[in-house]
PDB file of N, CA and C in Angstrom:
ATOM      1  N   MET A   1      24.399  14.139  64.994  1.00  0.00           N
ATOM      2  CA  MET A   1      24.711  14.452  66.402  1.00  0.00           C
ATOM      3  C   MET A   1      23.388  14.592  67.160  1.00  0.00           C
ATOM      4  N   SER A   2      23.393  14.001  68.345  1.00  0.00           N
ATOM      5  CA  SER A   2      22.233  14.074  69.228  1.00  0.00           C
ATOM      6  C   SER A   2      22.573  14.881  70.502  1.00  0.00           C
ATOM      7  N   THR A   3      21.551  15.513  71.021  1.00  0.00           N
ATOM      8  CA  THR A   3      21.708  16.248  72.221  1.00  0.00           C
ATOM      9  C   THR A   3      20.494  16.031  73.159  1.00  0.00           C
ATOM     10  N   VAL A   4      20.733  16.119  74.437  1.00  0.00           N
ATOM     11  CA  VAL A   4      19.652  16.083  75.390  1.00  0.00           C
ATOM     12  C   VAL A   4      19.627  17.409  76.144  1.00  0.00           C
ATOM     13  N   THR A   5      18.516  18.115  76.047  1.00  0.00           N
ATOM     14  CA  THR A   5      18.438  19.420  76.672  1.00  0.00           C
ATOM     15  C   THR A   5      17.871  19.359  78.066  1.00  0.00           C
ATOM     16  N   MET A   6      17.034  18.325  78.307  1.00  0.00           N
ATOM     17  CA  MET A   6      16.479  18.273  79.675  1.00  0.00           C
ATOM     18  C   MET A   6      16.157  16.764  79.885  1.00  0.00           C
ATOM     19  N   PRO A   7      16.789  16.200  80.945  1.00  0.00           N
ATOM     20  CA  PRO A   7      16.440  14.775  81.248  1.00  0.00           C
ATOM     21  C   PRO A   7      15.014  14.640  81.643  1.00  0.00           C
ATOM     22  N   VAL A   8      14.415  13.476  81.322  1.00  0.00           N
ATOM     23  CA  VAL A   8      13.059  13.200  81.765  1.00  0.00           C
ATOM     24  C   VAL A   8      13.102  12.462  83.063  1.00  0.00           C
ATOM     25  N   ALA A   9      12.039  12.536  83.787  1.00  0.00           N
ATOM     26  CA  ALA A   9      11.919  11.890  85.135  1.00  0.00           C
ATOM     27  C   ALA A   9      10.549  11.264  85.246  1.00  0.00           C
ATOM     28  N   PHE A  10      10.462  10.184  85.839  1.00  0.00           N
ATOM     29  CA  PHE A  10       9.170   9.516  86.201  1.00  0.00           C
ATOM     30  C   PHE A  10       8.805   9.922  87.628  1.00  0.00           C
ATOM     31  N   ILE A  11       7.554  10.306  87.816  1.00  0.00           N
ATOM     32  CA  ILE A  11       7.018  10.801  89.070  1.00  0.00           C
ATOM     33  C   ILE A  11       5.894   9.877  89.502  1.00  0.00           C
ATOM     34  N   LYS A  12       5.877   9.498  90.742  1.00  0.00           N
ATOM     35  CA  LYS A  12       4.746   8.713  91.276  1.00  0.00           C
ATOM     36  C   LYS A  12       3.977   9.640  92.226  1.00  0.00           C
ATOM     37  N   ALA A  13       2.674   9.688  92.025  1.00  0.00           N
ATOM     38  CA  ALA A  13       1.798  10.462  92.956  1.00  0.00           C
ATOM     39  C   ALA A  13       0.704   9.587  93.505  1.00  0.00           C
ATOM     40  N   GLU A  14       0.429   9.692  94.803  1.00  0.00           N
ATOM     41  CA  GLU A  14      -0.652   8.948  95.422  1.00  0.00           C
ATOM     42  C   GLU A  14      -1.520   9.916  96.206  1.00  0.00           C
ATOM     43  N   PHE A  15      -2.829   9.811  95.964  1.00  0.00           N
ATOM     44  CA  PHE A  15      -3.783  10.715  96.592  1.00  0.00           C
ATOM     45  C   PHE A  15      -5.220  10.127  96.462  1.00  0.00           C
ATOM     46  N   PHE A  16      -6.140  10.695  97.164  1.00  0.00           N
ATOM     47  CA  PHE A  16      -7.572  10.335  97.087  1.00  0.00           C
ATOM     48  C   PHE A  16      -8.270  11.351  96.207  1.00  0.00           C
ATOM     49  N   GLY A  17      -9.318  10.865  95.518  1.00  0.00           N
ATOM     50  CA  GLY A  17     -10.133  11.757  94.687  1.00  0.00           C
ATOM     51  C   GLY A  17     -10.960  12.663  95.596  1.00  0.00           C
ATOM     52  N   ARG A  18     -11.893  13.437  94.959  1.00  0.00           N
ATOM     53  CA  ARG A  18     -12.707  14.358  95.752  1.00  0.00           C
ATOM     54  C   ARG A  18     -14.150  14.167  95.383  1.00  0.00           C
ATOM     55  N   ASP A  19     -15.036  14.875  96.048  1.00  0.00           N
ATOM     56  CA  ASP A  19     -16.478  14.821  95.765  1.00  0.00           C
ATOM     57  C   ASP A  19     -16.734  15.943  94.773  1.00  0.00           C
ATOM     58  N   GLY A  20     -16.871  15.634  93.504  1.00  0.00           N
ATOM     59  CA  GLY A  20     -17.141  16.595  92.496  1.00  0.00           C
ATOM     60  C   GLY A  20     -15.848  17.094  91.816  1.00  0.00           C
ATOM     61  N   SER A  21     -15.983  17.803  90.720  1.00  0.00           N
ATOM     62  CA  SER A  21     -14.813  18.230  90.005  1.00  0.00           C
ATOM     63  C   SER A  21     -14.113  19.373  90.729  1.00  0.00           C
ATOM     64  N   GLY A  22     -12.831  19.531  90.486  1.00  0.00           N
ATOM     65  CA  GLY A  22     -12.048  20.583  91.089  1.00  0.00           C
ATOM     66  C   GLY A  22     -10.621  20.164  91.356  1.00  0.00           C
ATOM     67  N   ALA A  23      -9.926  21.024  92.070  1.00  0.00           N
ATOM     68  CA  ALA A  23      -8.471  20.797  92.326  1.00  0.00           C
ATOM     69  C   ALA A  23      -8.252  19.827  93.478  1.00  0.00           C
ATOM     70  N   ILE A  24      -7.240  18.961  93.337  1.00  0.00           N
ATOM     71  CA  ILE A  24      -6.778  18.123  94.410  1.00  0.00           C
ATOM     72  C   ILE A  24      -5.360  18.468  94.685  1.00  0.00           C
ATOM     73  N   SER A  25      -5.001  18.766  95.915  1.00  0.00           N
ATOM     74  CA  SER A  25      -3.634  19.161  96.306  1.00  0.00           C
ATOM     75  C   SER A  25      -2.730  17.908  96.231  1.00  0.00           C
ATOM     76  N   VAL A  26      -1.646  18.004  95.412  1.00  0.00           N
ATOM     77  CA  VAL A  26      -0.669  16.966  95.295  1.00  0.00           C
ATOM     78  C   VAL A  26       0.682  17.665  95.223  1.00  0.00           C
ATOM     79  N   PRO A  27       1.283  17.980  96.402  1.00  0.00           N
ATOM     80  CA  PRO A  27       2.579  18.692  96.416  1.00  0.00           C
ATOM     81  C   PRO A  27       3.627  17.964  95.615  1.00  0.00           C
ATOM     82  N   GLY A  28       4.337  18.716  94.800  1.00  0.00           N
ATOM     83  CA  GLY A  28       5.408  18.174  93.953  1.00  0.00           C
ATOM     84  C   GLY A  28       5.087  18.110  92.520  1.00  0.00           C
ATOM     85  N   LEU A  29       3.846  18.072  92.167  1.00  0.00           N
ATOM     86  CA  LEU A  29       3.499  18.091  90.728  1.00  0.00           C
ATOM     87  C   LEU A  29       3.833  19.412  90.107  1.00  0.00           C
ATOM     88  N   LYS A  30       4.198  19.451  88.866  1.00  0.00           N
ATOM     89  CA  LYS A  30       4.573  20.685  88.143  1.00  0.00           C
ATOM     90  C   LYS A  30       3.844  20.795  86.836  1.00  0.00           C
ATOM     91  N   VAL A  31       3.581  21.970  86.471  1.00  0.00           N
ATOM     92  CA  VAL A  31       2.883  22.305  85.204  1.00  0.00           C
ATOM     93  C   VAL A  31       3.630  21.530  84.087  1.00  0.00           C
ATOM     94  N   GLY A  32       2.897  20.848  83.263  1.00  0.00           N
ATOM     95  CA  GLY A  32       3.462  20.104  82.105  1.00  0.00           C
ATOM     96  C   GLY A  32       3.692  18.647  82.354  1.00  0.00           C
ATOM     97  N   ASP A  33       3.664  18.215  83.673  1.00  0.00           N
ATOM     98  CA  ASP A  33       3.847  16.819  83.883  1.00  0.00           C
ATOM     99  C   ASP A  33       2.716  16.074  83.180  1.00  0.00           C
ATOM    100  N   ALA A  34       3.052  14.953  82.549  1.00  0.00           N
ATOM    101  CA  ALA A  34       2.128  14.197  81.759  1.00  0.00           C
ATOM    102  C   ALA A  34       1.705  12.916  82.479  1.00  0.00           C
ATOM    103  N   VAL A  35       0.443  12.636  82.611  1.00  0.00           N
ATOM    104  CA  VAL A  35      -0.033  11.409  83.247  1.00  0.00           C
ATOM    105  C   VAL A  35       0.109  10.308  82.297  1.00  0.00           C
ATOM    106  N   LEU A  36       0.874   9.230  82.684  1.00  0.00           N
ATOM    107  CA  LEU A  36       1.092   8.057  81.859  1.00  0.00           C
ATOM    108  C   LEU A  36       0.091   6.943  82.250  1.00  0.00           C
ATOM    109  N   THR A  37      -0.061   6.706  83.578  1.00  0.00           N
ATOM    110  CA  THR A  37      -0.975   5.609  84.005  1.00  0.00           C
ATOM    111  C   THR A  37      -1.782   6.092  85.179  1.00  0.00           C
ATOM    112  N   ILE A  38      -2.973   5.588  85.297  1.00  0.00           N
ATOM    113  CA  ILE A  38      -3.829   5.860  86.472  1.00  0.00           C
ATOM    114  C   ILE A  38      -4.331   4.548  87.022  1.00  0.00           C
ATOM    115  N   THR A  39      -4.088   4.341  88.301  1.00  0.00           N
ATOM    116  CA  THR A  39      -4.536   3.150  88.926  1.00  0.00           C
ATOM    117  C   THR A  39      -5.390   3.579  90.128  1.00  0.00           C
ATOM    118  N   ALA A  40      -6.506   2.921  90.351  1.00  0.00           N
ATOM    119  CA  ALA A  40      -7.386   3.166  91.527  1.00  0.00           C
ATOM    120  C   ALA A  40      -7.683   1.837  92.160  1.00  0.00           C
ATOM    121  N   ASN A  41      -7.598   1.823  93.464  1.00  0.00           N
ATOM    122  CA  ASN A  41      -7.860   0.591  94.248  1.00  0.00           C
ATOM    123  C   ASN A  41      -7.043  -0.584  93.706  1.00  0.00           C
ATOM    124  N   ASN A  42      -5.762  -0.330  93.352  1.00  0.00           N
ATOM    125  CA  ASN A  42      -4.814  -1.320  92.906  1.00  0.00           C
ATOM    126  C   ASN A  42      -5.257  -2.021  91.610  1.00  0.00           C
ATOM    127  N   LEU A  43      -6.131  -1.399  90.834  1.00  0.00           N
ATOM    128  CA  LEU A  43      -6.557  -1.917  89.530  1.00  0.00           C
ATOM    129  C   LEU A  43      -6.346  -0.811  88.486  1.00  0.00           C
ATOM    130  N   ASN A  44      -6.220  -1.174  87.248  1.00  0.00           N
ATOM    131  CA  ASN A  44      -6.226  -0.181  86.232  1.00  0.00           C
ATOM    132  C   ASN A  44      -7.523   0.641  86.377  1.00  0.00           C
ATOM    133  N   SER A  45      -7.392   1.904  86.328  1.00  0.00           N
ATOM    134  CA  SER A  45      -8.539   2.768  86.725  1.00  0.00           C
ATOM    135  C   SER A  45      -9.726   2.586  85.801  1.00  0.00           C
ATOM    136  N   ALA A  46     -10.883   2.558  86.450  1.00  0.00           N
ATOM    137  CA  ALA A  46     -12.125   2.633  85.747  1.00  0.00           C
ATOM    138  C   ALA A  46     -12.480   4.110  85.472  1.00  0.00           C
ATOM    139  N   PHE A  47     -11.627   5.025  85.868  1.00  0.00           N
ATOM    140  CA  PHE A  47     -11.881   6.472  85.705  1.00  0.00           C
ATOM    141  C   PHE A  47     -10.750   7.081  84.845  1.00  0.00           C
ATOM    142  N   PRO A  48     -10.521   6.575  83.637  1.00  0.00           N
ATOM    143  CA  PRO A  48      -9.443   7.119  82.788  1.00  0.00           C
ATOM    144  C   PRO A  48      -9.614   8.565  82.458  1.00  0.00           C
ATOM    145  N   ARG A  49     -10.799   9.074  82.461  1.00  0.00           N
ATOM    146  CA  ARG A  49     -11.043  10.438  82.154  1.00  0.00           C
ATOM    147  C   ARG A  49     -11.473  11.296  83.331  1.00  0.00           C
ATOM    148  N   ALA A  50     -11.200  10.776  84.534  1.00  0.00           N
ATOM    149  CA  ALA A  50     -11.646  11.452  85.708  1.00  0.00           C
ATOM    150  C   ALA A  50     -10.659  12.581  86.050  1.00  0.00           C
ATOM    151  N   LEU A  51      -9.404  12.512  85.579  1.00  0.00           N
ATOM    152  CA  LEU A  51      -8.363  13.467  85.908  1.00  0.00           C
ATOM    153  C   LEU A  51      -7.766  14.084  84.621  1.00  0.00           C
ATOM    154  N   GLU A  52      -7.215  15.247  84.803  1.00  0.00           N
ATOM    155  CA  GLU A  52      -6.568  15.857  83.654  1.00  0.00           C
ATOM    156  C   GLU A  52      -5.337  15.068  83.248  1.00  0.00           C
ATOM    157  N   THR A  53      -4.959  15.114  81.952  1.00  0.00           N
ATOM    158  CA  THR A  53      -3.823  14.320  81.439  1.00  0.00           C
ATOM    159  C   THR A  53      -2.516  15.062  81.493  1.00  0.00           C
ATOM    160  N   PHE A  54      -2.561  16.359  81.546  1.00  0.00           N
ATOM    161  CA  PHE A  54      -1.344  17.187  81.719  1.00  0.00           C
ATOM    162  C   PHE A  54      -1.616  18.149  82.886  1.00  0.00           C
ATOM    163  N   ILE A  55      -0.632  18.245  83.793  1.00  0.00           N
ATOM    164  CA  ILE A  55      -0.807  19.102  84.954  1.00  0.00           C
ATOM    165  C   ILE A  55      -0.790  20.652  84.480  1.00  0.00           C
ATOM    166  N   THR A  56      -1.810  21.351  84.986  1.00  0.00           N
ATOM    167  CA  THR A  56      -1.936  22.741  84.538  1.00  0.00           C
ATOM    168  C   THR A  56      -1.650  23.772  85.627  1.00  0.00           C
ATOM    169  N   VAL A  57      -1.560  23.296  86.893  1.00  0.00           N
ATOM    170  CA  VAL A  57      -1.251  24.118  88.031  1.00  0.00           C
ATOM    171  C   VAL A  57      -0.257  23.378  88.924  1.00  0.00           C
ATOM    172  N   ASP A  58       0.840  24.040  89.345  1.00  0.00           N
ATOM    173  CA  ASP A  58       1.780  23.422  90.205  1.00  0.00           C
ATOM    174  C   ASP A  58       1.119  22.953  91.486  1.00  0.00           C
ATOM    175  N   ASP A  59       1.544  21.772  91.979  1.00  0.00           N
ATOM    176  CA  ASP A  59       1.072  21.153  93.215  1.00  0.00           C
ATOM    177  C   ASP A  59      -0.395  20.773  93.234  1.00  0.00           C
ATOM    178  N   GLU A  60      -1.021  20.655  92.065  1.00  0.00           N
ATOM    179  CA  GLU A  60      -2.441  20.314  92.020  1.00  0.00           C
ATOM    180  C   GLU A  60      -2.696  19.417  90.782  1.00  0.00           C
ATOM    181  N   ILE A  61      -3.716  18.573  90.901  1.00  0.00           N
ATOM    182  CA  ILE A  61      -4.277  17.924  89.706  1.00  0.00           C
ATOM    183  C   ILE A  61      -5.744  18.197  89.714  1.00  0.00           C
ATOM    184  N   GLN A  62      -6.315  18.383  88.481  1.00  0.00           N
ATOM    185  CA  GLN A  62      -7.726  18.654  88.386  1.00  0.00           C
ATOM    186  C   GLN A  62      -8.524  17.352  88.209  1.00  0.00           C
ATOM    187  N   GLN A  63      -9.534  17.177  89.050  1.00  0.00           N
ATOM    188  CA  GLN A  63     -10.469  16.081  88.837  1.00  0.00           C
ATOM    189  C   GLN A  63     -11.551  16.628  87.916  1.00  0.00           C
ATOM    190  N   ASP A  64     -11.647  16.066  86.752  1.00  0.00           N
ATOM    191  CA  ASP A  64     -12.655  16.498  85.765  1.00  0.00           C
ATOM    192  C   ASP A  64     -14.030  15.830  85.957  1.00  0.00           C
ATOM    193  N   SER A  65     -14.009  14.736  86.680  1.00  0.00           N
ATOM    194  CA  SER A  65     -15.272  14.023  86.895  1.00  0.00           C
ATOM    195  C   SER A  65     -16.087  14.681  88.023  1.00  0.00           C
ATOM    196  N   ALA A  66     -17.371  14.800  87.812  1.00  0.00           N
ATOM    197  CA  ALA A  66     -18.290  15.376  88.861  1.00  0.00           C
ATOM    198  C   ALA A  66     -18.690  14.338  89.867  1.00  0.00           C
ATOM    199  N   SER A  67     -18.241  13.094  89.693  1.00  0.00           N
ATOM    200  CA  SER A  67     -18.572  12.021  90.609  1.00  0.00           C
ATOM    201  C   SER A  67     -17.908  12.140  91.937  1.00  0.00           C
ATOM    202  N   ASN A  68     -18.402  11.456  92.943  1.00  0.00           N
ATOM    203  CA  ASN A  68     -17.831  11.392  94.282  1.00  0.00           C
ATOM    204  C   ASN A  68     -16.728  10.340  94.228  1.00  0.00           C
ATOM    205  N   LEU A  69     -15.466  10.720  94.214  1.00  0.00           N
ATOM    206  CA  LEU A  69     -14.341   9.811  94.174  1.00  0.00           C
ATOM    207  C   LEU A  69     -13.476   9.972  95.447  1.00  0.00           C
ATOM    208  N   GLU A  70     -14.083  10.447  96.556  1.00  0.00           N
ATOM    209  CA  GLU A  70     -13.329  10.654  97.795  1.00  0.00           C
ATOM    210  C   GLU A  70     -12.724   9.303  98.319  1.00  0.00           C
ATOM    211  N   SER A  71     -13.386   8.226  98.093  1.00  0.00           N
ATOM    212  CA  SER A  71     -12.898   6.952  98.634  1.00  0.00           C
ATOM    213  C   SER A  71     -11.984   6.219  97.682  1.00  0.00           C
ATOM    214  N   GLU A  72     -11.681   6.864  96.538  1.00  0.00           N
ATOM    215  CA  GLU A  72     -10.780   6.204  95.548  1.00  0.00           C
ATOM    216  C   GLU A  72      -9.336   6.587  95.749  1.00  0.00           C
ATOM    217  N   PRO A  73      -8.485   5.617  96.163  1.00  0.00           N
ATOM    218  CA  PRO A  73      -7.039   5.886  96.280  1.00  0.00           C
ATOM    219  C   PRO A  73      -6.413   5.792  94.903  1.00  0.00           C
ATOM    220  N   PHE A  74      -5.969   6.910  94.377  1.00  0.00           N
ATOM    221  CA  PHE A  74      -5.409   6.940  93.020  1.00  0.00           C
ATOM    222  C   PHE A  74      -3.825   6.831  93.169  1.00  0.00           C
ATOM    223  N   VAL A  75      -3.217   6.120  92.274  1.00  0.00           N
ATOM    224  CA  VAL A  75      -1.758   6.065  92.094  1.00  0.00           C
ATOM    225  C   VAL A  75      -1.502   6.452  90.659  1.00  0.00           C
ATOM    226  N   LEU A  76      -0.757   7.482  90.398  1.00  0.00           N
ATOM    227  CA  LEU A  76      -0.437   7.946  89.092  1.00  0.00           C
ATOM    228  C   LEU A  76       1.075   7.810  88.855  1.00  0.00           C
ATOM    229  N   VAL A  77       1.386   7.522  87.613  1.00  0.00           N
ATOM    230  CA  VAL A  77       2.807   7.663  87.143  1.00  0.00           C
ATOM    231  C   VAL A  77       2.773   8.754  86.084  1.00  0.00           C
ATOM    232  N   LEU A  78       3.639   9.729  86.330  1.00  0.00           N
ATOM    233  CA  LEU A  78       3.727  10.875  85.430  1.00  0.00           C
ATOM    234  C   LEU A  78       5.065  11.006  84.859  1.00  0.00           C
ATOM    235  N   LEU A  79       5.156  11.683  83.715  1.00  0.00           N
ATOM    236  CA  LEU A  79       6.507  11.907  83.126  1.00  0.00           C
ATOM    237  C   LEU A  79       6.758  13.394  83.135  1.00  0.00           C
ATOM    238  N   ARG A  80       7.924  13.792  83.583  1.00  0.00           N
ATOM    239  CA  ARG A  80       8.339  15.192  83.636  1.00  0.00           C
ATOM    240  C   ARG A  80       9.497  15.453  82.659  1.00  0.00           C
ATOM    241  N   GLY A  81       9.393  16.541  81.929  1.00  0.00           N
ATOM    242  CA  GLY A  81      10.539  16.869  81.051  1.00  0.00           C
ATOM    243  C   GLY A  81      10.312  16.626  79.632  1.00  0.00           C
ATOM    244  N   LEU A  82       9.006  16.576  79.140  1.00  0.00           N
ATOM    245  CA  LEU A  82       8.721  16.324  77.764  1.00  0.00           C
ATOM    246  C   LEU A  82       9.168  17.540  76.940  1.00  0.00           C
TER     247      LEU A  82
END
């Protein structure tokens, strides 16, 4: 017998990076959302480690990179409900 306790959902988030590491406001993200793909400037990201891979604070994503990524338009696909 199989059961589903919580359906999963795909989430799309679009935002710009920041100058240096720290929090970026992205309303709607929830703790535990998992980053599946990162795209910047419509290309597979050259910054795969620039952002956290699991959301740790509601409505925010952490930029781990100390680089200036303010001009980088990021598009993420996340999975909710793991």
